[in-house]
PDB file of all heavy atoms in Angstrom:
ATOM      1  N   GLU A   1      14.478 -36.866 -77.062  1.00  0.00           N
ATOM      2  CA  GLU A   1      13.899 -37.915 -77.752  1.00  0.00           C
ATOM      3  C   GLU A   1      13.498 -37.537 -79.247  1.00  0.00           C
ATOM      4  O   GLU A   1      13.700 -38.326 -80.148  1.00  0.00           O
ATOM      5  CB  GLU A   1      12.548 -38.250 -77.003  1.00  0.00           C
ATOM      6  CG  GLU A   1      11.632 -39.238 -77.784  1.00  0.00           C
ATOM      7  CD  GLU A   1      10.153 -39.082 -77.310  1.00  0.00           C
ATOM      8  OE1 GLU A   1       9.915 -38.600 -76.180  1.00  0.00           O
ATOM      9  OE2 GLU A   1       9.302 -39.418 -78.073  1.00  0.00           O
ATOM     10  N   LEU A   2      13.004 -36.269 -79.457  1.00  0.00           N
ATOM     11  CA  LEU A   2      12.693 -35.807 -80.804  1.00  0.00           C
ATOM     12  C   LEU A   2      13.938 -35.702 -81.621  1.00  0.00           C
ATOM     13  O   LEU A   2      13.853 -35.995 -82.829  1.00  0.00           O
ATOM     14  CB  LEU A   2      12.039 -34.459 -80.712  1.00  0.00           C
ATOM     15  CG  LEU A   2      10.509 -34.476 -80.102  1.00  0.00           C
ATOM     16  CD1 LEU A   2      10.016 -33.072 -79.826  1.00  0.00           C
ATOM     17  CD2 LEU A   2       9.556 -35.265 -80.926  1.00  0.00           C
ATOM     18  N   ARG A   3      15.070 -35.330 -81.094  1.00  0.00           N
ATOM     19  CA  ARG A   3      16.334 -35.225 -81.798  1.00  0.00           C
ATOM     20  C   ARG A   3      16.717 -36.647 -82.331  1.00  0.00           C
ATOM     21  O   ARG A   3      17.093 -36.856 -83.417  1.00  0.00           O
ATOM     22  CB  ARG A   3      17.474 -34.643 -81.000  1.00  0.00           C
ATOM     23  CG  ARG A   3      17.320 -33.112 -80.839  1.00  0.00           C
ATOM     24  CD  ARG A   3      18.192 -32.656 -79.690  1.00  0.00           C
ATOM     25  NE  ARG A   3      19.601 -32.851 -79.965  1.00  0.00           N
ATOM     26  CZ  ARG A   3      20.467 -31.951 -80.449  1.00  0.00           C
ATOM     27  NH1 ARG A   3      20.016 -30.740 -80.789  1.00  0.00           N
ATOM     28  NH2 ARG A   3      21.716 -32.232 -80.647  1.00  0.00           N
ATOM     29  N   HIS A   4      16.644 -37.647 -81.455  1.00  0.00           N
ATOM     30  CA  HIS A   4      16.926 -38.971 -81.836  1.00  0.00           C
ATOM     31  C   HIS A   4      15.990 -39.517 -82.897  1.00  0.00           C
ATOM     32  O   HIS A   4      16.312 -40.221 -83.800  1.00  0.00           O
ATOM     33  CB  HIS A   4      16.968 -39.888 -80.551  1.00  0.00           C
ATOM     34  CG  HIS A   4      18.238 -39.823 -79.820  1.00  0.00           C
ATOM     35  ND1 HIS A   4      19.362 -40.536 -80.159  1.00  0.00           N
ATOM     36  CD2 HIS A   4      18.570 -39.114 -78.751  1.00  0.00           C
ATOM     37  CE1 HIS A   4      20.280 -40.296 -79.313  1.00  0.00           C
ATOM     38  NE2 HIS A   4      19.844 -39.456 -78.329  1.00  0.00           N
ATOM     39  N   SER A   5      14.658 -39.085 -82.665  1.00  0.00           N
ATOM     40  CA  SER A   5      13.706 -39.553 -83.660  1.00  0.00           C
ATOM     41  C   SER A   5      14.033 -39.011 -85.063  1.00  0.00           C
ATOM     42  O   SER A   5      13.935 -39.716 -86.060  1.00  0.00           O
ATOM     43  CB  SER A   5      12.286 -39.026 -83.195  1.00  0.00           C
ATOM     44  OG  SER A   5      11.321 -39.433 -84.146  1.00  0.00           O
ATOM     45  N   ALA A   6      14.484 -37.771 -85.160  1.00  0.00           N
ATOM     46  CA  ALA A   6      14.793 -37.104 -86.395  1.00  0.00           C
ATOM     47  C   ALA A   6      15.975 -37.893 -87.006  1.00  0.00           C
ATOM     48  O   ALA A   6      15.939 -38.194 -88.287  1.00  0.00           O
ATOM     49  CB  ALA A   6      15.190 -35.628 -86.201  1.00  0.00           C
ATOM     50  N   THR A   7      17.053 -38.098 -86.362  1.00  0.00           N
ATOM     51  CA  THR A   7      18.231 -38.764 -86.918  1.00  0.00           C
ATOM     52  C   THR A   7      17.916 -40.262 -87.391  1.00  0.00           C
ATOM     53  O   THR A   7      18.370 -40.676 -88.397  1.00  0.00           O
ATOM     54  CB  THR A   7      19.392 -38.784 -86.072  1.00  0.00           C
ATOM     55  OG1 THR A   7      19.112 -39.333 -84.785  1.00  0.00           O
ATOM     56  CG2 THR A   7      19.976 -37.304 -85.910  1.00  0.00           C
ATOM     57  N   SER A   8      17.164 -40.948 -86.553  1.00  0.00           N
ATOM     58  CA  SER A   8      16.774 -42.344 -86.861  1.00  0.00           C
ATOM     59  C   SER A   8      15.837 -42.376 -88.123  1.00  0.00           C
ATOM     60  O   SER A   8      15.970 -43.272 -88.966  1.00  0.00           O
ATOM     61  CB  SER A   8      16.156 -43.092 -85.673  1.00  0.00           C
ATOM     62  OG  SER A   8      14.964 -42.408 -85.352  1.00  0.00           O
ATOM     63  N   ALA A   9      15.050 -41.345 -88.226  1.00  0.00           N
ATOM     64  CA  ALA A   9      14.099 -41.363 -89.393  1.00  0.00           C
ATOM     65  C   ALA A   9      14.889 -41.046 -90.677  1.00  0.00           C
ATOM     66  O   ALA A   9      14.632 -41.675 -91.709  1.00  0.00           O
ATOM     67  CB  ALA A   9      13.054 -40.253 -89.207  1.00  0.00           C
ATOM     68  N   LEU A  10      15.918 -40.162 -90.613  1.00  0.00           N
ATOM     69  CA  LEU A  10      16.703 -39.836 -91.839  1.00  0.00           C
ATOM     70  C   LEU A  10      17.480 -41.108 -92.248  1.00  0.00           C
ATOM     71  O   LEU A  10      17.731 -41.184 -93.463  1.00  0.00           O
ATOM     72  CB  LEU A  10      17.713 -38.697 -91.480  1.00  0.00           C
ATOM     73  CG  LEU A  10      16.950 -37.291 -91.405  1.00  0.00           C
ATOM     74  CD1 LEU A  10      17.967 -36.306 -90.741  1.00  0.00           C
ATOM     75  CD2 LEU A  10      16.580 -36.856 -92.778  1.00  0.00           C
ATOM     76  N   ILE A  11      17.917 -41.937 -91.377  1.00  0.00           N
ATOM     77  CA  ILE A  11      18.627 -43.119 -91.722  1.00  0.00           C
ATOM     78  C   ILE A  11      17.734 -44.233 -92.264  1.00  0.00           C
ATOM     79  O   ILE A  11      18.139 -44.825 -93.211  1.00  0.00           O
ATOM     80  CB  ILE A  11      19.425 -43.679 -90.524  1.00  0.00           C
ATOM     81  CG1 ILE A  11      20.534 -42.724 -90.100  1.00  0.00           C
ATOM     82  CG2 ILE A  11      19.992 -45.031 -90.775  1.00  0.00           C
ATOM     83  CD1 ILE A  11      21.244 -43.059 -88.838  1.00  0.00           C
ATOM     84  N   SER A  12      16.532 -44.317 -91.769  1.00  0.00           N
ATOM     85  CA  SER A  12      15.652 -45.455 -92.138  1.00  0.00           C
ATOM     86  C   SER A  12      14.641 -45.126 -93.123  1.00  0.00           C
ATOM     87  O   SER A  12      14.028 -46.016 -93.735  1.00  0.00           O
ATOM     88  CB  SER A  12      15.049 -46.017 -90.857  1.00  0.00           C
ATOM     89  OG  SER A  12      14.293 -45.087 -90.219  1.00  0.00           O
ATOM     90  N   ARG A  13      14.367 -43.838 -93.512  1.00  0.00           N
ATOM     91  CA  ARG A  13      13.314 -43.473 -94.398  1.00  0.00           C
ATOM     92  C   ARG A  13      13.740 -42.345 -95.374  1.00  0.00           C
ATOM     93  O   ARG A  13      14.771 -41.658 -95.128  1.00  0.00           O
ATOM     94  CB  ARG A  13      12.035 -43.060 -93.650  1.00  0.00           C
ATOM     95  CG  ARG A  13      11.440 -44.084 -92.773  1.00  0.00           C
ATOM     96  CD  ARG A  13      10.207 -43.565 -91.928  1.00  0.00           C
ATOM     97  NE  ARG A  13       9.139 -43.182 -92.927  1.00  0.00           N
ATOM     98  CZ  ARG A  13       7.889 -43.278 -92.561  1.00  0.00           C
ATOM     99  NH1 ARG A  13       7.559 -43.695 -91.409  1.00  0.00           N
ATOM    100  NH2 ARG A  13       6.957 -42.859 -93.399  1.00  0.00           N
ATOM    101  N   SER A  14      12.999 -42.189 -96.406  1.00  0.00           N
ATOM    102  CA  SER A  14      13.337 -41.070 -97.373  1.00  0.00           C
ATOM    103  C   SER A  14      12.219 -39.979 -97.353  1.00  0.00           C
ATOM    104  O   SER A  14      12.479 -38.879 -97.760  1.00  0.00           O
ATOM    105  CB  SER A  14      13.457 -41.637 -98.773  1.00  0.00           C
ATOM    106  OG  SER A  14      12.243 -42.186 -99.209  1.00  0.00           O
ATOM    107  N   ASP A  15      11.020 -40.302 -96.859  1.00  0.00           N
ATOM    108  CA  ASP A  15       9.925 -39.293 -96.815  1.00  0.00           C
ATOM    109  C   ASP A  15       9.994 -38.541 -95.397  1.00  0.00           C
ATOM    110  O   ASP A  15       9.098 -38.649 -94.599  1.00  0.00           O
ATOM    111  CB  ASP A  15       8.536 -39.928 -97.052  1.00  0.00           C
ATOM    112  CG  ASP A  15       8.245 -41.016 -95.980  1.00  0.00           C
ATOM    113  OD1 ASP A  15       9.189 -41.572 -95.445  1.00  0.00           O
ATOM    114  OD2 ASP A  15       7.073 -41.230 -95.694  1.00  0.00           O
ATOM    115  N   VAL A  16      11.046 -37.761 -95.239  1.00  0.00           N
ATOM    116  CA  VAL A  16      11.256 -37.035 -93.952  1.00  0.00           C
ATOM    117  C   VAL A  16      11.446 -35.612 -94.103  1.00  0.00           C
ATOM    118  O   VAL A  16      12.118 -35.109 -95.016  1.00  0.00           O
ATOM    119  CB  VAL A  16      12.610 -37.661 -93.306  1.00  0.00           C
ATOM    120  CG1 VAL A  16      12.796 -36.959 -91.945  1.00  0.00           C
ATOM    121  CG2 VAL A  16      12.495 -39.147 -93.109  1.00  0.00           C
ATOM    122  N   ILE A  17      10.741 -34.824 -93.291  1.00  0.00           N
ATOM    123  CA  ILE A  17      10.901 -33.366 -93.166  1.00  0.00           C
ATOM    124  C   ILE A  17      11.399 -33.078 -91.786  1.00  0.00           C
ATOM    125  O   ILE A  17      10.780 -33.546 -90.804  1.00  0.00           O
ATOM    126  CB  ILE A  17       9.617 -32.646 -93.396  1.00  0.00           C
ATOM    127  CG1 ILE A  17       9.005 -32.978 -94.877  1.00  0.00           C
ATOM    128  CG2 ILE A  17       9.810 -31.181 -93.274  1.00  0.00           C
ATOM    129  CD1 ILE A  17       7.620 -32.461 -95.033  1.00  0.00           C
ATOM    130  N   VAL A  18      12.563 -32.429 -91.666  1.00  0.00           N
ATOM    131  CA  VAL A  18      13.129 -32.059 -90.339  1.00  0.00           C
ATOM    132  C   VAL A  18      13.101 -30.500 -90.132  1.00  0.00           C
ATOM    133  O   VAL A  18      13.673 -29.879 -91.041  1.00  0.00           O
ATOM    134  CB  VAL A  18      14.515 -32.538 -90.115  1.00  0.00           C
ATOM    135  CG1 VAL A  18      15.052 -32.162 -88.777  1.00  0.00           C
ATOM    136  CG2 VAL A  18      14.583 -34.013 -90.390  1.00  0.00           C
ATOM    137  N   VAL A  19      12.345 -30.064 -89.245  1.00  0.00           N
ATOM    138  CA  VAL A  19      12.290 -28.669 -88.895  1.00  0.00           C
ATOM    139  C   VAL A  19      13.300 -28.420 -87.783  1.00  0.00           C
ATOM    140  O   VAL A  19      13.199 -29.064 -86.713  1.00  0.00           O
ATOM    141  CB  VAL A  19      10.857 -28.178 -88.458  1.00  0.00           C
ATOM    142  CG1 VAL A  19      10.828 -26.734 -88.193  1.00  0.00           C
ATOM    143  CG2 VAL A  19       9.852 -28.560 -89.429  1.00  0.00           C
ATOM    144  N   ALA A  20      14.282 -27.519 -88.061  1.00  0.00           N
ATOM    145  CA  ALA A  20      15.392 -27.385 -87.129  1.00  0.00           C
ATOM    146  C   ALA A  20      15.656 -25.906 -86.878  1.00  0.00           C
ATOM    147  O   ALA A  20      15.371 -25.073 -87.673  1.00  0.00           O
ATOM    148  CB  ALA A  20      16.616 -28.041 -87.633  1.00  0.00           C
ATOM    149  N   SER A  21      16.268 -25.676 -85.658  1.00  0.00           N
ATOM    150  CA  SER A  21      16.762 -24.231 -85.479  1.00  0.00           C
ATOM    151  C   SER A  21      18.218 -24.250 -85.850  1.00  0.00           C
ATOM    152  O   SER A  21      18.802 -25.277 -86.283  1.00  0.00           O
ATOM    153  CB  SER A  21      16.698 -23.941 -83.970  1.00  0.00           C
ATOM    154  OG  SER A  21      17.532 -24.780 -83.198  1.00  0.00           O
ATOM    155  N   VAL A  22      18.935 -23.150 -85.798  1.00  0.00           N
ATOM    156  CA  VAL A  22      20.234 -22.998 -86.316  1.00  0.00           C
ATOM    157  C   VAL A  22      21.219 -23.816 -85.463  1.00  0.00           C
ATOM    158  O   VAL A  22      22.346 -24.012 -85.836  1.00  0.00           O
ATOM    159  CB  VAL A  22      20.695 -21.485 -86.225  1.00  0.00           C
ATOM    160  CG1 VAL A  22      19.983 -20.701 -87.353  1.00  0.00           C
ATOM    161  CG2 VAL A  22      20.461 -20.862 -84.908  1.00  0.00           C
ATOM    162  N   SER A  23      20.708 -24.367 -84.310  1.00  0.00           N
ATOM    163  CA  SER A  23      21.665 -25.195 -83.454  1.00  0.00           C
ATOM    164  C   SER A  23      22.025 -26.469 -84.231  1.00  0.00           C
ATOM    165  O   SER A  23      22.915 -27.208 -83.744  1.00  0.00           O
ATOM    166  CB  SER A  23      21.036 -25.566 -82.160  1.00  0.00           C
ATOM    167  OG  SER A  23      19.794 -26.305 -82.329  1.00  0.00           O
ATOM    168  N   CYS A  24      21.352 -26.771 -85.321  1.00  0.00           N
ATOM    169  CA  CYS A  24      21.613 -27.992 -86.080  1.00  0.00           C
ATOM    170  C   CYS A  24      22.974 -27.920 -86.777  1.00  0.00           C
ATOM    171  O   CYS A  24      23.393 -28.952 -87.320  1.00  0.00           O
ATOM    172  CB  CYS A  24      20.520 -28.299 -87.145  1.00  0.00           C
ATOM    173  SG  CYS A  24      20.531 -27.177 -88.503  1.00  0.00           S
ATOM    174  N   ILE A  25      23.639 -26.744 -86.828  1.00  0.00           N
ATOM    175  CA  ILE A  25      24.988 -26.701 -87.397  1.00  0.00           C
ATOM    176  C   ILE A  25      26.066 -27.026 -86.413  1.00  0.00           C
ATOM    177  O   ILE A  25      27.275 -26.950 -86.730  1.00  0.00           O
ATOM    178  CB  ILE A  25      25.216 -25.340 -88.087  1.00  0.00           C
ATOM    179  CG1 ILE A  25      25.339 -24.197 -87.114  1.00  0.00           C
ATOM    180  CG2 ILE A  25      24.206 -25.077 -89.152  1.00  0.00           C
ATOM    181  CD1 ILE A  25      25.892 -22.902 -87.745  1.00  0.00           C
TER     182      ILE A  25
END
């Protein structure tokens, strides 16, 4: 759910901070 929340926020907003582990590559 949090992963989907991160990607949807990046598409719909500009004031976004995403904290990620190296699995994001």
